Amino acid sequence: MTQNLGHVVSIVLAALLIIIGWLVIVNPALLAWFVGLVLILVGVAILAGVLTPRDR
């Protein structure tokens, strides 16, 4: 899954996911915040992809 990212980015991503997972276990209410934030970011990315002009 992270083969194309490089070693440093893979390690940072793994550490970030471990920390977020630990925080969600400690405080389950954070899960709703993380899910909401991810949905907003994905929506913005899709909108930017649709509105960005493409060169041909």
PDB file of N, CA and C in Angstrom:
ATOM      1  N   MET A   1       0.820  -1.189   0.000  1.00  0.00           N
ATOM      2  CA  MET A   1       0.000   0.000   0.000  1.00  0.00           C
ATOM      3  C   MET A   1       0.869   1.260   0.000  1.00  0.00           C
ATOM      4  N   THR A   2       1.983   1.235   0.683  1.00  0.00           N
ATOM      5  CA  THR A   2       2.823   2.426   0.778  1.00  0.00           C
ATOM      6  C   THR A   2       4.135   2.250   0.033  1.00  0.00           C
ATOM      7  N   GLN A   3       4.196   1.366  -0.945  1.00  0.00           N
ATOM      8  CA  GLN A   3       5.446   1.093  -1.648  1.00  0.00           C
ATOM      9  C   GLN A   3       5.949   2.299  -2.428  1.00  0.00           C
ATOM     10  N   ASN A   4       5.053   3.082  -2.989  1.00  0.00           N
ATOM     11  CA  ASN A   4       5.466   4.222  -3.813  1.00  0.00           C
ATOM     12  C   ASN A   4       5.733   5.488  -3.005  1.00  0.00           C
ATOM     13  N   LEU A   5       5.470   5.464  -1.713  1.00  0.00           N
ATOM     14  CA  LEU A   5       5.618   6.673  -0.903  1.00  0.00           C
ATOM     15  C   LEU A   5       7.038   6.892  -0.394  1.00  0.00           C
ATOM     16  N   GLY A   6       7.792   5.851  -0.222  1.00  0.00           N
ATOM     17  CA  GLY A   6       9.125   5.975   0.345  1.00  0.00           C
ATOM     18  C   GLY A   6       9.119   5.584   1.810  1.00  0.00           C
ATOM     19  N   HIS A   7      10.318   5.362   2.336  1.00  0.00           N
ATOM     20  CA  HIS A   7      10.442   4.860   3.704  1.00  0.00           C
ATOM     21  C   HIS A   7      10.019   5.880   4.750  1.00  0.00           C
ATOM     22  N   VAL A   8      10.448   7.119   4.602  1.00  0.00           N
ATOM     23  CA  VAL A   8      10.167   8.143   5.612  1.00  0.00           C
ATOM     24  C   VAL A   8       8.672   8.429   5.690  1.00  0.00           C
ATOM     25  N   VAL A   9       8.029   8.602   4.549  1.00  0.00           N
ATOM     26  CA  VAL A   9       6.604   8.899   4.539  1.00  0.00           C
ATOM     27  C   VAL A   9       5.812   7.715   5.094  1.00  0.00           C
ATOM     28  N   SER A  10       6.238   6.502   4.780  1.00  0.00           N
ATOM     29  CA  SER A  10       5.562   5.312   5.305  1.00  0.00           C
ATOM     30  C   SER A  10       5.657   5.243   6.824  1.00  0.00           C
ATOM     31  N   ILE A  11       6.820   5.552   7.369  1.00  0.00           N
ATOM     32  CA  ILE A  11       7.011   5.526   8.824  1.00  0.00           C
ATOM     33  C   ILE A  11       6.173   6.608   9.487  1.00  0.00           C
ATOM     34  N   VAL A  12       6.167   7.806   8.920  1.00  0.00           N
ATOM     35  CA  VAL A  12       5.382   8.905   9.494  1.00  0.00           C
ATOM     36  C   VAL A  12       3.894   8.584   9.415  1.00  0.00           C
ATOM     37  N   LEU A  13       3.437   8.025   8.300  1.00  0.00           N
ATOM     38  CA  LEU A  13       2.037   7.659   8.154  1.00  0.00           C
ATOM     39  C   LEU A  13       1.644   6.578   9.149  1.00  0.00           C
ATOM     40  N   ALA A  14       2.508   5.588   9.329  1.00  0.00           N
ATOM     41  CA  ALA A  14       2.221   4.524  10.292  1.00  0.00           C
ATOM     42  C   ALA A  14       2.143   5.080  11.708  1.00  0.00           C
ATOM     43  N   ALA A  15       3.071   5.945  12.075  1.00  0.00           N
ATOM     44  CA  ALA A  15       3.056   6.531  13.415  1.00  0.00           C
ATOM     45  C   ALA A  15       1.804   7.385  13.620  1.00  0.00           C
ATOM     46  N   LEU A  16       1.426   8.143  12.606  1.00  0.00           N
ATOM     47  CA  LEU A  16       0.232   8.979  12.703  1.00  0.00           C
ATOM     48  C   LEU A  16      -1.020   8.127  12.869  1.00  0.00           C
ATOM     49  N   LEU A  17      -1.123   7.036  12.114  1.00  0.00           N
ATOM     50  CA  LEU A  17      -2.285   6.161  12.240  1.00  0.00           C
ATOM     51  C   LEU A  17      -2.333   5.483  13.601  1.00  0.00           C
ATOM     52  N   ILE A  18      -1.177   5.115  14.146  1.00  0.00           N
ATOM     53  CA  ILE A  18      -1.146   4.513  15.479  1.00  0.00           C
ATOM     54  C   ILE A  18      -1.612   5.518  16.528  1.00  0.00           C
ATOM     55  N   ILE A  19      -1.143   6.751  16.438  1.00  0.00           N
ATOM     56  CA  ILE A  19      -1.543   7.782  17.398  1.00  0.00           C
ATOM     57  C   ILE A  19      -3.033   8.072  17.296  1.00  0.00           C
ATOM     58  N   ILE A  20      -3.541   8.203  16.071  1.00  0.00           N
ATOM     59  CA  ILE A  20      -4.973   8.465  15.901  1.00  0.00           C
ATOM     60  C   ILE A  20      -5.792   7.297  16.425  1.00  0.00           C
ATOM     61  N   GLY A  21      -5.357   6.069  16.145  1.00  0.00           N
ATOM     62  CA  GLY A  21      -6.064   4.897  16.654  1.00  0.00           C
ATOM     63  C   GLY A  21      -6.090   4.866  18.167  1.00  0.00           C
ATOM     64  N   TRP A  22      -4.987   5.214  18.800  1.00  0.00           N
ATOM     65  CA  TRP A  22      -4.919   5.244  20.259  1.00  0.00           C
ATOM     66  C   TRP A  22      -5.855   6.314  20.820  1.00  0.00           C
ATOM     67  N   LEU A  23      -5.885   7.479  20.172  1.00  0.00           N
ATOM     68  CA  LEU A  23      -6.765   8.552  20.632  1.00  0.00           C
ATOM     69  C   LEU A  23      -8.238   8.166  20.507  1.00  0.00           C
ATOM     70  N   VAL A  24      -8.591   7.457  19.432  1.00  0.00           N
ATOM     71  CA  VAL A  24      -9.973   7.028  19.249  1.00  0.00           C
ATOM     72  C   VAL A  24     -10.353   5.995  20.300  1.00  0.00           C
ATOM     73  N   ILE A  25      -9.428   5.110  20.650  1.00  0.00           N
ATOM     74  CA  ILE A  25      -9.711   4.126  21.700  1.00  0.00           C
ATOM     75  C   ILE A  25      -9.922   4.826  23.038  1.00  0.00           C
ATOM     76  N   VAL A  26      -9.090   5.820  23.336  1.00  0.00           N
ATOM     77  CA  VAL A  26      -9.195   6.534  24.612  1.00  0.00           C
ATOM     78  C   VAL A  26     -10.459   7.391  24.658  1.00  0.00           C
ATOM     79  N   ASN A  27     -10.760   8.074  23.557  1.00  0.00           N
ATOM     80  CA  ASN A  27     -11.916   8.966  23.507  1.00  0.00           C
ATOM     81  C   ASN A  27     -12.712   8.669  22.238  1.00  0.00           C
ATOM     82  N   PRO A  28     -13.718   7.789  22.302  1.00  0.00           N
ATOM     83  CA  PRO A  28     -14.467   7.396  21.099  1.00  0.00           C
ATOM     84  C   PRO A  28     -15.194   8.555  20.411  1.00  0.00           C
ATOM     85  N   ALA A  29     -15.448   9.639  21.100  1.00  0.00           N
ATOM     86  CA  ALA A  29     -16.116  10.783  20.478  1.00  0.00           C
ATOM     87  C   ALA A  29     -15.249  11.403  19.380  1.00  0.00           C
ATOM     88  N   LEU A  30     -13.932  11.193  19.451  1.00  0.00           N
ATOM     89  CA  LEU A  30     -13.046  11.729  18.422  1.00  0.00           C
ATOM     90  C   LEU A  30     -13.266  11.051  17.077  1.00  0.00           C
ATOM     91  N   LEU A  31     -13.807   9.833  17.088  1.00  0.00           N
ATOM     92  CA  LEU A  31     -14.043   9.117  15.843  1.00  0.00           C
ATOM     93  C   LEU A  31     -14.983   9.908  14.937  1.00  0.00           C
ATOM     94  N   ALA A  32     -16.015  10.482  15.512  1.00  0.00           N
ATOM     95  CA  ALA A  32     -16.955  11.280  14.719  1.00  0.00           C
ATOM     96  C   ALA A  32     -16.251  12.492  14.109  1.00  0.00           C
ATOM     97  N   TRP A  33     -15.364  13.118  14.865  1.00  0.00           N
ATOM     98  CA  TRP A  33     -14.625  14.270  14.344  1.00  0.00           C
ATOM     99  C   TRP A  33     -13.716  13.857  13.191  1.00  0.00           C
ATOM    100  N   PHE A  34     -13.015  12.730  13.353  1.00  0.00           N
ATOM    101  CA  PHE A  34     -12.109  12.268  12.302  1.00  0.00           C
ATOM    102  C   PHE A  34     -12.878  11.886  11.046  1.00  0.00           C
ATOM    103  N   VAL A  35     -13.995  11.201  11.210  1.00  0.00           N
ATOM    104  CA  VAL A  35     -14.798  10.805  10.049  1.00  0.00           C
ATOM    105  C   VAL A  35     -15.342  12.051   9.347  1.00  0.00           C
ATOM    106  N   GLY A  36     -15.840  12.997  10.100  1.00  0.00           N
ATOM    107  CA  GLY A  36     -16.340  14.241   9.510  1.00  0.00           C
ATOM    108  C   GLY A  36     -15.256  15.007   8.779  1.00  0.00           C
ATOM    109  N   LEU A  37     -14.082  15.093   9.371  1.00  0.00           N
ATOM    110  CA  LEU A  37     -12.966  15.792   8.747  1.00  0.00           C
ATOM    111  C   LEU A  37     -12.543  15.105   7.450  1.00  0.00           C
ATOM    112  N   VAL A  38     -12.476  13.786   7.469  1.00  0.00           N
ATOM    113  CA  VAL A  38     -12.097  13.045   6.265  1.00  0.00           C
ATOM    114  C   VAL A  38     -13.140  13.245   5.166  1.00  0.00           C
ATOM    115  N   LEU A  39     -14.417  13.204   5.519  1.00  0.00           N
ATOM    116  CA  LEU A  39     -15.453  13.413   4.512  1.00  0.00           C
ATOM    117  C   LEU A  39     -15.377  14.815   3.903  1.00  0.00           C
ATOM    118  N   ILE A  40     -15.098  15.809   4.721  1.00  0.00           N
ATOM    119  CA  ILE A  40     -14.959  17.176   4.212  1.00  0.00           C
ATOM    120  C   ILE A  40     -13.756  17.271   3.274  1.00  0.00           C
ATOM    121  N   LEU A  41     -12.630  16.692   3.661  1.00  0.00           N
ATOM    122  CA  LEU A  41     -11.424  16.749   2.827  1.00  0.00           C
ATOM    123  C   LEU A  41     -11.620  16.014   1.505  1.00  0.00           C
ATOM    124  N   VAL A  42     -12.285  14.866   1.543  1.00  0.00           N
ATOM    125  CA  VAL A  42     -12.543  14.127   0.304  1.00  0.00           C
ATOM    126  C   VAL A  42     -13.481  14.925  -0.596  1.00  0.00           C
ATOM    127  N   GLY A  43     -14.486  15.543  -0.011  1.00  0.00           N
ATOM    128  CA  GLY A  43     -15.396  16.380  -0.795  1.00  0.00           C
ATOM    129  C   GLY A  43     -14.682  17.544  -1.451  1.00  0.00           C
ATOM    130  N   VAL A  44     -13.800  18.200  -0.723  1.00  0.00           N
ATOM    131  CA  VAL A  44     -13.036  19.317  -1.283  1.00  0.00           C
ATOM    132  C   VAL A  44     -12.110  18.823  -2.391  1.00  0.00           C
ATOM    133  N   ALA A  45     -11.495  17.665  -2.211  1.00  0.00           N
ATOM    134  CA  ALA A  45     -10.602  17.124  -3.234  1.00  0.00           C
ATOM    135  C   ALA A  45     -11.368  16.782  -4.509  1.00  0.00           C
ATOM    136  N   ILE A  46     -12.552  16.196  -4.364  1.00  0.00           N
ATOM    137  CA  ILE A  46     -13.364  15.866  -5.540  1.00  0.00           C
ATOM    138  C   ILE A  46     -13.809  17.143  -6.249  1.00  0.00           C
ATOM    139  N   LEU A  47     -14.250  18.129  -5.492  1.00  0.00           N
ATOM    140  CA  LEU A  47     -14.677  19.392  -6.074  1.00  0.00           C
ATOM    141  C   LEU A  47     -13.521  20.084  -6.796  1.00  0.00           C
ATOM    142  N   ALA A  48     -12.344  20.069  -6.190  1.00  0.00           N
ATOM    143  CA  ALA A  48     -11.172  20.672  -6.835  1.00  0.00           C
ATOM    144  C   ALA A  48     -10.804  19.920  -8.112  1.00  0.00           C
ATOM    145  N   GLY A  49     -10.939  18.602  -8.098  1.00  0.00           N
ATOM    146  CA  GLY A  49     -10.654  17.827  -9.292  1.00  0.00           C
ATOM    147  C   GLY A  49     -11.631  18.118 -10.421  1.00  0.00           C
ATOM    148  N   VAL A  50     -12.890  18.359 -10.067  1.00  0.00           N
ATOM    149  CA  VAL A  50     -13.892  18.663 -11.086  1.00  0.00           C
ATOM    150  C   VAL A  50     -13.692  20.066 -11.637  1.00  0.00           C
ATOM    151  N   LEU A  51     -13.366  21.020 -10.790  1.00  0.00           N
ATOM    152  CA  LEU A  51     -13.268  22.414 -11.209  1.00  0.00           C
ATOM    153  C   LEU A  51     -11.920  22.795 -11.805  1.00  0.00           C
ATOM    154  N   THR A  52     -10.907  21.975 -11.649  1.00  0.00           N
ATOM    155  CA  THR A  52      -9.588  22.283 -12.168  1.00  0.00           C
ATOM    156  C   THR A  52      -9.551  22.023 -13.676  1.00  0.00           C
ATOM    157  N   PRO A  53      -9.160  23.018 -14.450  1.00  0.00           N
ATOM    158  CA  PRO A  53      -9.080  22.791 -15.906  1.00  0.00           C
ATOM    159  C   PRO A  53      -7.941  21.830 -16.258  1.00  0.00           C
ATOM    160  N   ARG A  54      -8.190  21.022 -17.267  1.00  0.00           N
ATOM    161  CA  ARG A  54      -7.171  20.054 -17.694  1.00  0.00           C
ATOM    162  C   ARG A  54      -6.580  20.489 -19.024  1.00  0.00           C
ATOM    163  N   ASP A  55      -5.258  20.402 -19.133  1.00  0.00           N
ATOM    164  CA  ASP A  55      -4.579  20.717 -20.412  1.00  0.00           C
ATOM    165  C   ASP A  55      -4.628  19.468 -21.292  1.00  0.00           C
ATOM    166  N   ARG A  56      -4.866  19.694 -22.576  1.00  0.00           N
ATOM    167  CA  ARG A  56      -4.899  18.561 -23.512  1.00  0.00           C
ATOM    168  C   ARG A  56      -3.810  18.694 -24.529  1.00  0.00           C
TER     169      ARG A  56
END
